Amino acid sequence: MGSEVNKIYNLYEIFMDFNRLRILVAIYGNECTSEELSDSINLNTISIMHQLEFLINKKVITKLEIDDTIKYKISDKKFNKIINQIINYSK
């Protein structure tokens, strides 16, 4: 029971920040740079980088380095499913 509660808390911790949720929805099904995210969700790059670091540490997203470009994508298939459900729920 304790580990289940811990998993639920970790999930809640990821989604309890509005900007993290906006980032996850923006990169759902995409690979984006921090600049693309900044333009897409109208948030400054410093805030985006802070949230991206949090999400990388939680192993929700992955940083991809291609040539001189760094892109981010959702790495956990379960999160892709959750984001899809959130998007469909909000319609």
N, C-alpha and C. Protein backbone atom coordinates (compact mmCIF):
# COMPACT_ATOMS: atom_id res chain seq x y z
N MET A 1 0.83 -1.20 0.00
CA MET A 1 0.00 0.00 0.00
C MET A 1 0.87 1.26 0.00
N GLY A 2 1.96 1.26 0.78
CA GLY A 2 2.81 2.43 0.89
C GLY A 2 3.44 2.83 -0.42
N SER A 3 3.89 1.85 -1.22
CA SER A 3 4.52 2.20 -2.49
C SER A 3 3.49 2.73 -3.49
N GLU A 4 2.25 2.23 -3.41
CA GLU A 4 1.20 2.75 -4.29
C GLU A 4 0.90 4.21 -3.96
N VAL A 5 0.83 4.53 -2.70
CA VAL A 5 0.59 5.90 -2.27
C VAL A 5 1.74 6.79 -2.71
N ASN A 6 2.96 6.29 -2.60
CA ASN A 6 4.13 7.05 -3.03
C ASN A 6 4.08 7.33 -4.53
N LYS A 7 3.69 6.35 -5.33
CA LYS A 7 3.56 6.53 -6.78
C LYS A 7 2.49 7.57 -7.11
N ILE A 8 1.37 7.51 -6.40
CA ILE A 8 0.30 8.48 -6.62
C ILE A 8 0.77 9.89 -6.25
N TYR A 9 1.49 10.01 -5.14
CA TYR A 9 2.02 11.31 -4.74
C TYR A 9 2.98 11.85 -5.78
N ASN A 10 3.88 10.99 -6.29
CA ASN A 10 4.84 11.42 -7.31
C ASN A 10 4.12 11.91 -8.57
N LEU A 11 3.06 11.22 -8.95
CA LEU A 11 2.27 11.64 -10.10
C LEU A 11 1.62 13.00 -9.83
N TYR A 12 1.04 13.15 -8.65
CA TYR A 12 0.43 14.42 -8.28
C TYR A 12 1.46 15.55 -8.29
N GLU A 13 2.65 15.27 -7.77
CA GLU A 13 3.71 16.27 -7.71
C GLU A 13 4.07 16.78 -9.11
N ILE A 14 4.06 15.89 -10.09
CA ILE A 14 4.38 16.28 -11.47
C ILE A 14 3.29 17.19 -12.04
N PHE A 15 2.03 16.86 -11.79
CA PHE A 15 0.92 17.59 -12.39
C PHE A 15 0.43 18.79 -11.58
N MET A 16 0.95 19.00 -10.37
CA MET A 16 0.40 20.08 -9.54
C MET A 16 0.90 21.47 -9.95
N ASP A 17 1.85 21.54 -10.85
CA ASP A 17 2.34 22.84 -11.32
C ASP A 17 1.75 23.14 -12.69
N PHE A 18 1.09 24.28 -12.81
CA PHE A 18 0.41 24.67 -14.05
C PHE A 18 1.37 24.72 -15.23
N ASN A 19 2.56 25.27 -15.04
CA ASN A 19 3.51 25.39 -16.15
C ASN A 19 4.07 24.03 -16.57
N ARG A 20 4.25 23.13 -15.63
CA ARG A 20 4.69 21.77 -16.01
C ARG A 20 3.63 21.10 -16.87
N LEU A 21 2.39 21.26 -16.50
CA LEU A 21 1.30 20.67 -17.28
C LEU A 21 1.25 21.28 -18.68
N ARG A 22 1.42 22.59 -18.76
CA ARG A 22 1.45 23.26 -20.07
C ARG A 22 2.59 22.73 -20.93
N ILE A 23 3.75 22.50 -20.35
CA ILE A 23 4.89 21.97 -21.08
C ILE A 23 4.60 20.56 -21.57
N LEU A 24 4.05 19.73 -20.69
CA LEU A 24 3.74 18.35 -21.08
C LEU A 24 2.72 18.29 -22.22
N VAL A 25 1.72 19.13 -22.15
CA VAL A 25 0.73 19.17 -23.24
C VAL A 25 1.37 19.67 -24.53
N ALA A 26 2.26 20.65 -24.42
CA ALA A 26 2.92 21.20 -25.61
C ALA A 26 3.84 20.19 -26.29
N ILE A 27 4.51 19.34 -25.51
CA ILE A 27 5.43 18.39 -26.14
C ILE A 27 4.79 17.03 -26.38
N TYR A 28 3.53 16.88 -26.02
CA TYR A 28 2.83 15.63 -26.27
C TYR A 28 2.87 15.32 -27.77
N GLY A 29 3.48 14.21 -28.13
CA GLY A 29 3.57 13.80 -29.53
C GLY A 29 4.58 14.58 -30.34
N ASN A 30 5.37 15.44 -29.70
CA ASN A 30 6.34 16.28 -30.41
C ASN A 30 7.70 16.20 -29.72
N GLU A 31 8.69 16.67 -30.44
CA GLU A 31 9.99 16.98 -29.86
C GLU A 31 10.16 18.48 -30.01
N CYS A 32 10.42 19.18 -28.92
CA CYS A 32 10.50 20.64 -28.96
C CYS A 32 11.77 21.13 -28.29
N THR A 33 12.27 22.25 -28.79
CA THR A 33 13.36 22.95 -28.12
C THR A 33 12.76 23.84 -27.04
N SER A 34 13.60 24.33 -26.15
CA SER A 34 13.10 25.24 -25.11
C SER A 34 12.57 26.53 -25.73
N GLU A 35 13.17 26.97 -26.85
CA GLU A 35 12.69 28.17 -27.53
C GLU A 35 11.31 27.95 -28.15
N GLU A 36 11.11 26.78 -28.74
CA GLU A 36 9.79 26.45 -29.29
C GLU A 36 8.75 26.39 -28.19
N LEU A 37 9.12 25.82 -27.06
CA LEU A 37 8.19 25.78 -25.93
C LEU A 37 7.88 27.19 -25.44
N SER A 38 8.89 28.03 -25.37
CA SER A 38 8.70 29.41 -24.93
C SER A 38 7.71 30.13 -25.82
N ASP A 39 7.86 29.97 -27.12
CA ASP A 39 6.94 30.60 -28.07
C ASP A 39 5.54 29.99 -27.97
N SER A 40 5.49 28.69 -27.83
CA SER A 40 4.22 27.96 -27.83
C SER A 40 3.35 28.28 -26.62
N ILE A 41 3.96 28.33 -25.44
CA ILE A 41 3.16 28.52 -24.23
C ILE A 41 3.36 29.89 -23.59
N ASN A 42 4.13 30.75 -24.27
CA ASN A 42 4.34 32.11 -23.81
C ASN A 42 4.86 32.16 -22.37
N LEU A 43 6.01 31.49 -22.18
CA LEU A 43 6.65 31.43 -20.87
C LEU A 43 8.13 31.68 -21.09
N ASN A 44 8.77 32.39 -20.18
CA ASN A 44 10.18 32.71 -20.39
C ASN A 44 11.05 31.46 -20.30
N THR A 45 12.17 31.52 -20.97
CA THR A 45 13.06 30.36 -21.11
C THR A 45 13.60 29.88 -19.77
N ILE A 46 13.88 30.79 -18.86
CA ILE A 46 14.40 30.40 -17.54
C ILE A 46 13.39 29.53 -16.80
N SER A 47 12.13 29.92 -16.82
CA SER A 47 11.08 29.13 -16.17
C SER A 47 10.93 27.78 -16.85
N ILE A 48 10.99 27.77 -18.17
CA ILE A 48 10.87 26.51 -18.90
C ILE A 48 12.02 25.58 -18.55
N MET A 49 13.24 26.11 -18.52
CA MET A 49 14.41 25.28 -18.22
C MET A 49 14.30 24.69 -16.81
N HIS A 50 13.80 25.47 -15.87
CA HIS A 50 13.62 24.98 -14.50
C HIS A 50 12.63 23.80 -14.49
N GLN A 51 11.52 23.95 -15.19
CA GLN A 51 10.51 22.89 -15.22
C GLN A 51 11.01 21.67 -16.00
N LEU A 52 11.74 21.90 -17.09
CA LEU A 52 12.29 20.78 -17.85
C LEU A 52 13.27 19.97 -17.00
N GLU A 53 14.08 20.65 -16.22
CA GLU A 53 15.02 19.96 -15.33
C GLU A 53 14.27 19.09 -14.33
N PHE A 54 13.20 19.63 -13.76
CA PHE A 54 12.37 18.86 -12.82
C PHE A 54 11.82 17.61 -13.50
N LEU A 55 11.27 17.78 -14.71
CA LEU A 55 10.65 16.66 -15.42
C LEU A 55 11.68 15.63 -15.87
N ILE A 56 12.88 16.07 -16.20
CA ILE A 56 13.96 15.13 -16.55
C ILE A 56 14.35 14.32 -15.31
N ASN A 57 14.48 14.99 -14.17
CA ASN A 57 14.83 14.30 -12.93
C ASN A 57 13.78 13.28 -12.51
N LYS A 58 12.53 13.55 -12.85
CA LYS A 58 11.44 12.62 -12.55
C LYS A 58 11.32 11.53 -13.61
N LYS A 59 12.17 11.60 -14.63
CA LYS A 59 12.21 10.62 -15.72
C LYS A 59 10.92 10.60 -16.56
N VAL A 60 10.30 11.77 -16.67
CA VAL A 60 9.09 11.91 -17.47
C VAL A 60 9.44 12.33 -18.89
N ILE A 61 10.45 13.19 -19.03
CA ILE A 61 10.88 13.62 -20.35
C ILE A 61 12.36 13.30 -20.54
N THR A 62 12.77 13.32 -21.81
CA THR A 62 14.15 13.04 -22.19
C THR A 62 14.68 14.21 -22.98
N LYS A 63 15.96 14.47 -22.77
CA LYS A 63 16.65 15.52 -23.53
C LYS A 63 17.38 14.82 -24.68
N LEU A 64 17.11 15.28 -25.92
CA LEU A 64 17.75 14.72 -27.10
C LEU A 64 18.70 15.76 -27.68
N GLU A 65 19.94 15.39 -27.89
CA GLU A 65 20.91 16.30 -28.48
C GLU A 65 21.18 15.84 -29.91
N ILE A 66 20.75 16.67 -30.87
CA ILE A 66 20.94 16.38 -32.29
C ILE A 66 21.73 17.54 -32.87
N ASP A 67 22.97 17.24 -33.31
CA ASP A 67 23.89 18.28 -33.76
C ASP A 67 24.04 19.31 -32.65
N ASP A 68 23.68 20.56 -32.91
CA ASP A 68 23.79 21.61 -31.90
C ASP A 68 22.43 21.96 -31.29
N THR A 69 21.43 21.14 -31.56
CA THR A 69 20.07 21.42 -31.10
C THR A 69 19.69 20.45 -29.99
N ILE A 70 19.09 21.00 -28.94
CA ILE A 70 18.59 20.18 -27.84
C ILE A 70 17.07 20.22 -27.88
N LYS A 71 16.49 19.04 -27.96
CA LYS A 71 15.03 18.92 -27.97
C LYS A 71 14.60 18.04 -26.81
N TYR A 72 13.34 18.21 -26.44
CA TYR A 72 12.77 17.48 -25.32
C TYR A 72 11.54 16.72 -25.79
N LYS A 73 11.33 15.53 -25.23
CA LYS A 73 10.14 14.76 -25.54
C LYS A 73 9.73 13.95 -24.33
N ILE A 74 8.48 13.55 -24.30
CA ILE A 74 8.00 12.70 -23.22
C ILE A 74 8.60 11.32 -23.42
N SER A 75 9.23 10.80 -22.38
CA SER A 75 9.93 9.53 -22.51
C SER A 75 9.13 8.35 -21.95
N ASP A 76 8.18 8.64 -21.12
CA ASP A 76 7.41 7.58 -20.46
C ASP A 76 6.09 7.38 -21.20
N LYS A 77 5.88 6.19 -21.76
CA LYS A 77 4.66 5.91 -22.52
C LYS A 77 3.40 6.06 -21.67
N LYS A 78 3.50 5.79 -20.39
CA LYS A 78 2.34 5.97 -19.50
C LYS A 78 1.94 7.44 -19.45
N PHE A 79 2.92 8.34 -19.47
CA PHE A 79 2.61 9.76 -19.44
C PHE A 79 1.99 10.22 -20.76
N ASN A 80 2.43 9.64 -21.86
CA ASN A 80 1.77 9.96 -23.13
C ASN A 80 0.29 9.62 -23.05
N LYS A 81 -0.02 8.47 -22.48
CA LYS A 81 -1.41 8.05 -22.34
C LYS A 81 -2.18 8.99 -21.40
N ILE A 82 -1.55 9.36 -20.29
CA ILE A 82 -2.20 10.26 -19.33
C ILE A 82 -2.45 11.63 -19.97
N ILE A 83 -1.46 12.17 -20.67
CA ILE A 83 -1.62 13.47 -21.32
C ILE A 83 -2.72 13.40 -22.36
N ASN A 84 -2.77 12.32 -23.12
CA ASN A 84 -3.83 12.13 -24.11
C ASN A 84 -5.20 12.15 -23.44
N GLN A 85 -5.33 11.48 -22.31
CA GLN A 85 -6.60 11.46 -21.58
C GLN A 85 -6.96 12.84 -21.05
N ILE A 86 -5.96 13.58 -20.57
CA ILE A 86 -6.21 14.94 -20.08
C ILE A 86 -6.70 15.83 -21.21
N ILE A 87 -6.03 15.74 -22.36
CA ILE A 87 -6.41 16.56 -23.52
C ILE A 87 -7.84 16.21 -23.95
N ASN A 88 -8.14 14.92 -24.06
CA ASN A 88 -9.49 14.50 -24.47
C ASN A 88 -10.54 14.87 -23.44
N TYR A 89 -10.20 14.82 -22.16
CA TYR A 89 -11.14 15.19 -21.11
C TYR A 89 -11.50 16.66 -21.18
N SER A 90 -10.52 17.48 -21.56
CA SER A 90 -10.74 18.93 -21.55
C SER A 90 -11.51 19.42 -22.77
N LYS A 91 -11.74 18.56 -23.74
CA LYS A 91 -12.46 18.99 -24.96
C LYS A 91 -13.95 19.06 -24.72
